[in-house]
Every structure is written in C-alpha cells, then in structure tokens.
Protein backbone atom coordinates (compact mmCIF):
# COMPACT_ATOMS: atom_id res chain seq x y z
CA MET A 1 121.71 116.61 26.02
CA LYS A 2 122.13 114.88 29.33
CA ILE A 3 120.22 116.38 32.23
CA GLU A 4 121.25 115.90 35.84
CA THR A 5 118.94 116.98 38.66
CA PHE A 6 120.04 118.07 42.13
CA VAL A 7 117.37 118.86 44.72
CA THR A 8 118.89 121.72 46.70
CA GLY A 9 118.10 124.63 48.97
CA ILE A 10 115.72 125.15 51.86
CA VAL A 11 112.52 124.36 49.95
CA SER A 12 113.75 121.48 47.74
CA THR A 13 114.33 123.29 44.47
CA ASN A 14 115.44 121.42 41.36
CA CYS A 15 118.81 122.63 40.17
CA TYR A 16 119.58 121.24 36.73
CA LEU A 17 122.75 120.66 34.76
CA ALA A 18 122.13 120.64 31.01
CA ILE A 19 125.18 118.84 29.67
CA ASN A 20 126.56 118.58 26.15
CA GLU A 21 127.80 115.00 26.28
CA THR A 22 130.32 115.58 23.50
CA SER A 23 132.04 118.72 24.74
CA LYS A 24 131.14 118.53 28.46
CA GLN A 25 129.96 122.13 28.19
CA THR A 26 127.18 122.67 30.70
CA VAL A 27 124.47 125.16 31.63
CA VAL A 28 123.24 125.44 35.21
CA ILE A 29 119.56 126.17 35.78
CA ASP A 30 118.42 127.69 39.10
CA PRO A 31 121.26 127.24 41.62
CA ALA A 32 119.19 127.33 44.81
CA ALA A 33 122.31 126.35 46.72
CA CYS A 34 125.87 125.31 46.05
CA PRO A 35 126.24 121.98 47.85
CA LYS A 36 129.34 119.83 47.84
CA LYS A 37 127.55 116.99 46.03
CA LEU A 38 126.85 119.30 43.08
CA LEU A 39 130.39 120.66 42.95
CA ASP A 40 131.87 117.18 43.29
CA PHE A 41 129.76 115.94 40.39
CA ILE A 42 130.90 118.82 38.18
CA ASN A 43 134.54 118.12 39.06
CA ASP A 44 134.28 114.35 38.74
CA GLU A 45 132.62 114.60 35.34
CA LYS A 46 135.03 117.34 34.23
CA LEU A 47 132.15 119.56 33.17
CA VAL A 48 132.79 122.98 31.68
CA ILE A 49 130.30 125.46 33.10
CA GLU A 50 129.29 128.02 30.46
CA GLY A 51 126.41 129.93 32.07
CA ILE A 52 123.57 130.06 34.56
CA PHE A 53 119.89 130.41 33.68
CA LEU A 54 117.44 131.77 36.24
CA THR A 55 113.79 130.95 35.64
CA HIS A 56 112.84 133.76 38.02
CA ALA A 57 114.29 135.71 40.93
CA HIS A 58 112.64 134.10 43.96
CA PHE A 59 115.05 133.29 46.78
CA ASP A 60 114.68 129.53 46.39
CA HIS A 61 116.15 129.66 42.89
CA ILE A 62 119.02 132.08 43.44
CA LEU A 63 120.61 131.63 46.88
CA GLY A 64 123.51 129.58 45.52
CA LEU A 65 124.48 132.15 42.91
CA LYS A 66 127.32 133.96 44.65
CA ASP A 67 129.01 130.81 45.95
CA PHE A 68 128.73 129.26 42.52
CA LEU A 69 130.12 132.30 40.76
CA CYS A 70 133.11 132.37 43.09
CA ILE A 71 134.16 129.08 41.51
CA TYR A 72 132.69 129.48 38.03
CA PRO A 73 132.59 133.15 36.97
CA VAL A 74 130.11 132.74 34.12
CA PRO A 75 127.23 134.83 32.75
CA VAL A 76 123.92 134.77 34.60
CA TYR A 77 120.75 135.15 32.53
CA ILE A 78 117.31 136.30 33.66
CA ASN A 79 114.32 138.06 32.14
CA GLU A 80 114.64 141.84 32.12
CA LYS A 81 111.78 142.16 34.62
CA GLY A 82 113.77 140.18 37.17
CA GLY A 83 116.57 142.70 37.67
CA ASP A 84 114.89 144.72 40.40
CA ILE A 85 113.62 141.56 42.10
CA LEU A 86 117.13 140.10 42.19
CA LYS A 87 118.42 143.25 43.85
CA ASP A 88 115.69 143.52 46.48
CA PRO A 89 115.65 140.99 49.36
CA HIS A 90 112.03 141.90 50.07
CA GLN A 91 110.84 141.31 46.53
CA ASN A 92 112.79 138.07 46.12
CA LEU A 93 111.46 136.94 49.52
CA SER A 94 114.88 136.08 50.89
CA MET A 95 114.21 138.30 53.92
CA VAL A 96 111.48 135.87 54.98
CA TYR A 97 113.81 132.88 55.20
CA THR A 98 117.34 134.33 55.50
CA ASP A 99 119.12 137.54 56.43
CA GLY A 100 118.49 138.72 52.89
CA PHE A 101 120.09 138.10 49.51
CA SER A 102 120.61 140.40 46.56
CA PHE A 103 122.46 140.08 43.28
CA GLU A 104 123.49 142.48 40.55
CA GLY A 105 125.25 141.85 37.28
CA ALA A 106 122.88 139.50 35.44
CA ASP A 107 122.41 139.65 31.69
CA TYR A 108 118.81 140.54 30.87
CA LEU A 109 116.69 138.66 28.37
CA LYS A 110 113.60 139.61 26.42
CA ASP A 111 110.79 137.27 25.44
CA GLY A 112 111.92 135.18 22.48
CA ASP A 113 115.65 135.77 22.86
CA VAL A 114 117.77 132.79 21.85
CA ILE A 115 120.91 132.04 23.83
CA GLU A 116 123.51 130.03 21.92
CA ILE A 117 125.48 128.26 24.64
CA ALA A 118 127.19 124.91 25.26
CA GLY A 119 126.30 123.79 21.75
CA PHE A 120 122.59 124.35 22.31
CA ASN A 121 120.08 127.03 21.34
CA PHE A 122 117.83 127.92 24.24
CA LYS A 123 114.81 130.11 23.59
CA ALA A 124 113.74 132.28 26.52
CA ILE A 125 109.95 132.13 26.77
CA TRP A 126 108.59 134.82 29.07
CA THR A 127 105.80 133.30 31.19
CA PRO A 128 104.66 135.86 33.78
CA GLY A 129 102.15 134.96 36.45
CA HIS A 130 103.95 133.28 39.32
CA THR A 131 106.29 136.27 39.15
CA PRO A 132 106.57 139.13 36.64
CA ASP A 133 109.89 137.75 35.37
CA GLY A 134 108.96 134.08 35.00
CA THR A 135 110.86 132.52 32.10
CA CYS A 136 111.03 129.03 30.63
CA TYR A 137 114.04 127.87 28.60
CA TYR A 138 113.22 125.76 25.56
CA GLU A 139 115.67 123.75 23.48
CA GLU A 140 113.69 122.79 20.38
CA ASN A 141 116.16 120.28 18.95
CA GLU A 142 116.36 118.42 22.24
CA LYS A 143 112.61 118.81 22.96
CA VAL A 144 113.37 119.98 26.49
CA LEU A 145 111.76 122.77 28.51
CA PHE A 146 112.98 124.07 31.86
CA SER A 147 109.76 125.55 33.26
CA GLY A 148 110.77 126.97 36.65
CA ASP A 149 107.69 127.63 38.78
CA THR A 150 105.38 128.25 35.84
CA LEU A 151 104.34 124.67 35.11
CA PHE A 152 104.61 121.62 37.37
CA GLU A 153 103.53 118.03 37.04
CA GLU A 154 99.72 118.36 37.22
CA SER A 155 100.07 121.70 38.96
CA VAL A 156 101.17 125.30 38.42
CA GLY A 157 103.10 127.96 40.30
CA ARG A 158 101.60 129.82 43.23
CA THR A 159 99.91 133.13 42.51
CA ASP A 160 99.28 134.38 46.03
CA PHE A 161 102.31 136.68 46.13
CA ALA A 162 102.02 140.46 45.92
CA ASN A 163 103.31 140.58 42.34
CA SER A 164 101.61 137.39 41.10
CA ASP A 165 98.80 137.23 38.56
CA THR A 166 96.65 134.11 38.21
CA LYS A 167 95.17 135.06 34.83
CA ALA A 168 98.62 135.90 33.45
CA LEU A 169 99.92 132.52 34.56
CA GLU A 170 97.05 130.67 32.89
CA ASP A 171 97.55 132.67 29.70
CA SER A 172 101.29 132.03 29.75
CA ILE A 173 100.80 128.29 29.98
CA LYS A 174 97.99 128.03 27.44
CA GLU A 175 99.36 130.48 24.87
CA LYS A 176 103.11 129.88 25.13
CA LEU A 177 103.71 126.39 26.53
CA PHE A 178 100.75 124.33 25.39
CA ILE A 179 101.54 125.24 21.78
CA LEU A 180 104.77 123.24 22.05
CA PRO A 181 104.85 119.62 20.82
CA ASN A 182 103.24 117.10 23.15
CA ASP A 183 106.46 115.11 23.51
CA VAL A 184 108.48 118.02 24.88
CA LYS A 185 109.82 116.95 28.27
CA VAL A 186 109.25 119.49 31.03
CA PHE A 187 111.71 119.93 33.89
CA PRO A 188 110.06 122.10 36.57
CA GLY A 189 111.47 124.03 39.50
CA HIS A 190 110.01 121.57 42.01
CA MET A 191 108.80 117.98 41.94
CA GLY A 192 109.14 115.56 39.05
CA ALA A 193 109.49 115.89 35.29
CA THR A 194 106.51 115.69 32.97
CA THR A 195 105.58 116.38 29.34
CA ILE A 196 103.57 119.04 27.57
CA GLY A 197 101.11 116.41 26.34
CA HIS A 198 100.52 115.03 29.82
CA GLU A 199 99.87 118.49 31.24
CA LYS A 200 97.48 119.42 28.45
CA GLU A 201 95.41 116.38 29.30
CA TYR A 202 95.72 116.08 33.06
CA ASN A 203 96.64 119.43 34.59
CA PRO A 204 93.49 120.58 36.49
CA TYR A 205 94.62 124.21 36.77
CA VAL A 206 94.63 125.11 33.08
C-alpha cells in the first residue's frame, strides 16, 4: 500500500489516498475538500477510485464529498451512528463554518465489519468518544490504521462537543487501538503520522 496525504479543507484535515500500487485501485479517506491538486494527482497517476471511507461525520471530514462524487460515483462508508449526523448540518457542525452541508446515501458499517476493497481488507473499528460514530480503518496485512479524530500524535480528539464523551474516547483508544501491534502506523485526521507503540508510551491523554 502506498499512502498519499493531502492537507485540505478549512481546518487542515488530512485526506488520504490508500493506493494499491499493482492495480492502481484506491480508497479515499475523509475528503474534507476536493481541490485541484488532489484531482490532478489522481488523474496523473491514473488511479482507480473504488470507495470513500469517512472516519466520522464532522464537517471538516466531509465537505468535499459531493464534488468528489460528481467525478467518481463510488460507495461512501461510515459507521451506522453517523447517518443522522451526516444529514444534519447542525450536528455535523457545518452550519458554524458554512451555509450548511448534508449528505444522504452512505453505506453504514457496524463495529468489526470488514470491507474488501482495492485489494485490501479494511476492518472498521468503532471508536466513539470524539463523536458517536468515530471509526478507525485498520488494514492488518499492511499494518496501517486510519484513526480520524480518535487518536493523534501524542494527543486525542476533542471531547467538548455536545455529543462527545471523554471516558468513551479513552476506552476506545485503550481497549480497541492499544491492543494492536506496536508497529502499526497511525494516520490521523490532523497533524502527522505516528505509531501505536509511540502513543502507548508517550501519549499523555491515555
């Protein structure tokens, strides 16, 4: 797997391309925006977009969805608890920063579901706390985790929103992420990449 990172959107969200280097099949994670530089890269590399993963339904991870789907009409995956948040501009906080954004038509995932896509097997790990629908996507063979706003480099997601839960976030990280191998590389929704082992030793929040 080759991973390309594009910092996009109004609060510098990491949008990732998880690329199968053999087939060029690609999964998009968290399209916060749909900038020309991202589209140009996809075209230049002749990537085949197979699907979109949403780690949660906050505005800064979803605002590029509709523009992206106009070009690449692929399935969009999110945890089942994110459906109502996606549809509600108040819950997804887009009303705070824009005129409001809503989306319907995603495919809903349950905790532990495995999505076979682009030659990979991604396990959806439900990690509520930052939001009720927080989900990390883990590819065991590649030892890669896309953690959204659950786990950051030496930090964690905010829990000061109306539907956040600090204890749930701590439990999610300790019970579901810190049981993964130490050498799993973590690609978060903001800031730089890290590893499970580094966070177990140095993250002051858990």
